[in-house]
């Protein structure tokens, strides 16, 4: 999400024509959070994961990641 920090500067530099791009990118991020985040939330609830590292350990099969 660090790219959000550059939106205001890019909007100032490029002008009003950049604002639809900002809205489109924000919408894509929100949609991605919903689609991916919901599946991750369901898996975490089912398996009892609390942290992201627990999910990565489960998906990768690595016991080193903790």
Protein backbone atom coordinates (compact mmCIF):
# COMPACT_ATOMS: atom_id res chain seq x y z
CA UNK A 1 0.00 0.00 0.00
CA UNK A 2 2.91 2.43 -0.07
CA UNK A 3 1.87 3.49 -3.56
CA UNK A 4 -1.02 5.41 -1.98
CA UNK A 5 1.52 7.86 -0.59
CA UNK A 6 2.47 8.99 -4.09
CA UNK A 7 -1.07 9.62 -5.29
CA UNK A 8 -1.34 13.19 -4.08
CA UNK A 9 2.01 14.19 -5.57
CA UNK A 10 1.22 12.51 -8.87
CA UNK A 11 -2.19 14.15 -8.94
CA UNK A 12 -0.57 17.53 -8.41
CA UNK A 13 2.12 16.91 -11.03
CA UNK A 14 -0.08 15.33 -13.73
CA UNK A 15 -3.30 17.18 -12.99
CA UNK A 16 -6.95 16.33 -12.78
CA UNK A 17 -6.65 13.65 -15.45
CA UNK A 18 -4.85 11.46 -12.90
CA UNK A 19 -7.77 11.29 -10.47
CA UNK A 20 -9.68 8.55 -12.35
CA UNK A 21 -6.51 6.44 -12.19
CA UNK A 22 -6.40 6.98 -8.43
CA UNK A 23 -10.03 5.88 -8.10
CA UNK A 24 -9.48 2.83 -10.31
CA UNK A 25 -6.39 1.72 -8.39
CA UNK A 26 -8.14 2.21 -5.05
CA UNK A 27 -11.07 0.12 -6.28
CA UNK A 28 -8.78 -2.67 -7.46
CA UNK A 29 -7.03 -2.73 -4.08
CA UNK A 30 -10.36 -2.86 -2.24
CA UNK A 31 -11.60 -5.67 -4.49
CA UNK A 32 -8.36 -7.60 -3.97
CA UNK A 33 -8.61 -7.23 -0.21
CA UNK A 34 -12.15 -8.59 -0.34
CA UNK A 35 -11.45 -11.54 -2.65
CA UNK A 36 -8.13 -12.62 -1.13
CA UNK A 37 -8.76 -11.43 2.41
CA UNK A 38 -12.03 -13.29 2.80
CA UNK A 39 -10.42 -16.60 1.78
CA UNK A 40 -7.50 -15.97 4.13
CA UNK A 41 -9.89 -15.10 6.94
CA UNK A 42 -11.89 -18.32 6.40
CA UNK A 43 -8.72 -20.42 6.37
CA UNK A 44 -7.43 -18.69 9.49
CA UNK A 45 -10.70 -19.23 11.29
CA UNK A 46 -10.81 -22.90 10.29
CA UNK A 47 -7.20 -23.66 11.27
CA UNK A 48 -6.94 -21.25 14.21
CA UNK A 49 -4.26 -19.00 12.73
CA UNK A 50 -3.57 -15.74 14.53
CA UNK A 51 -0.63 -14.31 12.58
CA UNK A 52 0.32 -14.16 8.92
CA UNK A 53 3.45 -16.22 9.58
CA UNK A 54 1.27 -19.13 10.73
CA UNK A 55 -0.57 -19.03 7.41
CA UNK A 56 2.69 -18.88 5.43
CA UNK A 57 4.10 -21.78 7.45
CA UNK A 58 0.96 -23.82 6.73
CA UNK A 59 0.92 -23.04 3.01
CA UNK A 60 4.68 -23.54 2.45
CA UNK A 61 5.12 -26.54 4.71
CA UNK A 62 8.23 -24.98 6.25
CA UNK A 63 8.84 -25.35 9.99
CA UNK A 64 11.59 -22.71 9.90
CA UNK A 65 9.11 -19.87 9.42
CA UNK A 66 7.65 -18.79 12.73
